[in-house]
Protein backbone atom coordinates (compact mmCIF):
# COMPACT_ATOMS: atom_id res chain seq x y z
CA MET A 1 -65.10 21.82 -1.42
CA LYS A 2 -64.50 18.03 -1.49
CA LYS A 3 -61.37 18.89 -3.48
CA ILE A 4 -60.23 21.41 -0.33
CA ILE A 5 -60.87 18.94 2.17
CA ARG A 6 -58.84 16.11 -0.04
CA VAL A 7 -55.90 18.25 -0.27
CA PHE A 8 -56.01 19.11 3.46
CA LEU A 9 -56.19 15.47 4.57
CA SER A 10 -53.66 14.63 1.97
CA MET A 11 -51.42 17.33 3.40
CA VAL A 12 -51.97 16.09 7.12
CA LEU A 13 -51.08 12.46 6.06
CA CYS A 14 -47.83 13.74 4.52
CA MET A 15 -47.10 15.75 7.50
CA CYS A 16 -47.98 12.51 9.71
CA ILE A 17 -45.86 10.44 7.67
CA LEU A 18 -42.74 12.36 7.72
CA GLY A 19 -43.11 13.38 11.16
CA MET A 20 -42.67 9.88 12.22
CA ASN A 21 -39.52 9.34 10.30
CA CYS A 22 -37.65 12.27 11.63
CA TYR A 23 -36.63 10.46 14.49
CA ALA A 24 -33.31 8.27 14.00
CA ALA A 25 -32.37 7.81 18.00
CA LYS A 26 -34.61 7.78 21.03
CA ILE A 27 -35.05 11.47 22.81
CA GLY A 28 -32.43 11.90 25.09
CA ASP A 29 -29.90 9.30 23.48
CA PRO A 30 -26.45 11.12 22.88
CA LEU A 31 -24.94 11.98 19.68
CA ILE A 32 -22.51 9.81 18.40
CA VAL A 33 -19.36 11.52 16.44
CA ASP A 34 -16.56 9.27 14.82
CA GLY A 35 -17.50 6.35 17.34
CA SER A 36 -17.56 8.91 20.24
CA ARG A 37 -20.67 9.70 22.24
CA LEU A 38 -20.94 13.25 23.35
CA LEU A 39 -21.85 12.91 27.01
CA ARG A 40 -22.56 15.39 29.98
CA THR A 41 -20.11 13.72 32.65
CA ASN A 42 -16.96 14.22 34.48
CA TYR A 43 -15.02 10.97 33.00
CA ALA A 44 -14.64 9.00 29.87
CA GLN A 45 -12.50 6.11 29.67
CA SER A 46 -11.70 3.72 26.93
CA TRP A 47 -10.59 0.20 28.47
CA ASP A 48 -14.42 -0.85 28.64
CA ASP A 49 -15.69 -0.60 25.26
CA ASN A 50 -13.25 0.75 23.28
CA ALA A 51 -10.19 -0.92 24.33
CA ALA A 52 -7.09 -1.38 22.57
CA SER A 53 -6.27 -5.04 22.54
CA THR A 54 -4.77 -7.41 19.81
CA ASN A 55 -4.15 -10.49 21.72
CA GLY A 56 -0.93 -10.09 20.03
CA ILE A 57 2.55 -11.88 21.11
CA ASN A 58 4.04 -8.61 22.89
CA LEU A 59 1.13 -5.84 23.11
CA SER A 60 -1.36 -6.93 25.80
CA THR A 61 -3.63 -4.02 25.93
CA GLY A 62 -4.06 -0.26 26.05
CA GLY A 63 -6.38 2.34 27.01
CA CYS A 64 -6.96 6.09 27.64
CA SER A 65 -8.86 8.40 29.65
CA ILE A 66 -10.32 11.99 30.32
CA SER A 67 -11.61 13.55 33.42
CA LYS A 68 -12.71 17.10 34.43
CA VAL A 69 -10.78 18.60 36.89
CA ASN A 70 -12.79 21.97 36.23
CA SER A 71 -14.37 23.80 33.45
CA TYR A 72 -11.08 25.12 32.09
CA VAL A 73 -8.69 21.98 33.05
CA ALA A 74 -8.62 18.22 31.71
CA THR A 75 -6.73 15.36 32.92
CA VAL A 76 -5.64 13.49 30.15
CA HIS A 77 -4.17 9.55 30.57
CA GLY A 78 -2.95 7.00 28.50
CA TYR A 79 -1.24 3.47 28.89
CA THR A 80 0.34 0.78 27.05
CA ASP A 81 0.91 -2.68 28.64
CA SER A 82 2.98 -5.79 27.11
CA TYR A 83 2.71 -9.42 28.21
CA HIS A 84 6.71 -9.45 29.04
CA ILE A 85 9.55 -7.14 29.37
CA ALA A 86 10.03 -5.62 26.01
CA ASP A 87 12.34 -3.26 24.02
CA THR A 88 10.00 -0.11 23.79
CA VAL A 89 6.51 0.33 25.00
CA TYR A 90 5.25 3.49 23.63
CA VAL A 91 2.00 5.58 24.20
CA GLY A 92 1.05 8.66 22.43
CA VAL A 93 -1.87 10.62 23.93
CA TYR A 94 -4.07 12.79 21.62
CA MET A 95 -6.89 15.48 22.99
CA ASP A 96 -9.76 16.15 20.37
CA ARG A 97 -12.19 19.09 20.64
CA TYR A 98 -15.81 18.57 18.79
CA ASN A 99 -16.42 21.41 16.22
CA PRO A 100 -20.37 21.52 16.37
CA ASP A 101 -20.06 23.87 13.28
CA ASP A 102 -18.67 21.21 11.30
CA GLY A 103 -19.39 18.11 13.51
CA SER A 104 -15.79 17.05 13.34
CA TRP A 105 -12.84 16.52 15.85
CA SER A 106 -9.72 18.16 15.82
CA THR A 107 -6.42 17.71 17.71
CA VAL A 108 -5.73 20.30 20.42
CA PHE A 109 -3.23 18.73 22.04
CA GLN A 110 -0.90 15.59 21.77
CA ASP A 111 2.07 14.17 23.52
CA SER A 112 3.89 10.86 24.22
CA TYR A 113 6.11 8.65 26.23
CA THR A 114 8.34 6.01 25.39
CA ALA A 115 9.69 3.34 28.15
CA ASN A 116 12.44 0.63 27.62
CA ASN A 117 12.88 -2.77 29.19
CA THR A 118 9.65 -2.77 30.81
CA VAL A 119 6.05 -3.92 30.56
CA HIS A 120 4.14 -0.68 30.90
CA ALA A 121 4.29 3.01 29.76
CA GLY A 122 1.92 5.71 31.24
CA TYR A 123 1.30 9.39 30.61
CA THR A 124 -0.83 11.59 32.40
CA LYS A 125 -1.02 15.46 32.09
CA ASP A 126 -3.60 18.30 32.96
CA VAL A 127 -4.30 20.25 29.87
CA PHE A 128 -6.19 23.30 29.88
CA VAL A 129 -9.11 23.56 27.65
CA LYS A 130 -11.90 26.18 26.23
CA LYS A 131 -15.30 26.11 28.23
CA GLY A 132 -18.23 25.05 26.31
CA TYR A 133 -16.82 22.21 24.15
CA TYR A 134 -16.69 18.47 24.21
CA TYR A 135 -13.33 16.75 24.34
CA ARG A 136 -12.10 13.50 24.22
CA VAL A 137 -8.67 11.39 24.48
CA ARG A 138 -7.22 9.10 21.66
CA ALA A 139 -4.11 6.99 22.28
CA ALA A 140 -1.99 4.91 20.26
CA HIS A 141 -0.28 2.07 21.57
CA ILE A 142 3.03 0.29 20.54
CA VAL A 143 5.22 -2.54 22.11
CA GLU A 144 8.29 -3.84 20.10
CA LYS A 145 10.35 -6.59 21.06
CA ASP A 146 13.17 -8.51 19.06
CA GLY A 147 12.39 -6.72 16.10
CA LEU A 148 8.46 -7.38 16.00
CA ARG A 149 6.16 -4.27 16.49
CA GLU A 150 2.67 -4.48 17.32
CA GLY A 151 0.10 -1.33 17.68
CA ASN A 152 -3.26 -0.62 18.27
CA THR A 153 -5.20 2.73 19.10
CA SER A 154 -8.12 3.57 21.62
CA TYR A 155 -10.30 6.50 22.42
CA THR A 156 -13.05 7.73 24.74
CA ASP A 157 -16.21 9.33 24.56
CA GLY A 158 -16.33 13.37 24.51
CA ILE A 159 -17.23 14.86 27.72
CA LEU A 160 -18.86 18.66 27.91
CA PHE A 161 -16.69 21.14 29.86
CA ASP A 162 -19.32 23.91 30.73
């Protein structure tokens, strides 16, 4: 009988120890995948925490955003700024969809805009999405002046289209 009680108490103790180590994050914390939080919100932007900023000679900053128009349409936006008039200012915008089966992002839309002899390039477009998925936006930022090319990237958190 003592042996059964010992085995039972050992099992209870193991379950308690294993139960305490199961949670790596607080309940309610969003899942983070490849640097992007998965949020239930209508808007996400990069220029707060994830802004592209190199403190370069020409490239000033860049950012991107995604907003929910409705359950089937997203507005994607990206911009690149130069400190002064540059030969070329480029922004490439990529929209990714989160695949919960393998925990990865895959690009479902991409486009770009290049402006010459200016300090700013911006791109905005409405894109159809599949309901029930998280989407995020990434952007590539390049400024070229007098043969010197500087670049960086930015990305948003993912937002759910439901």
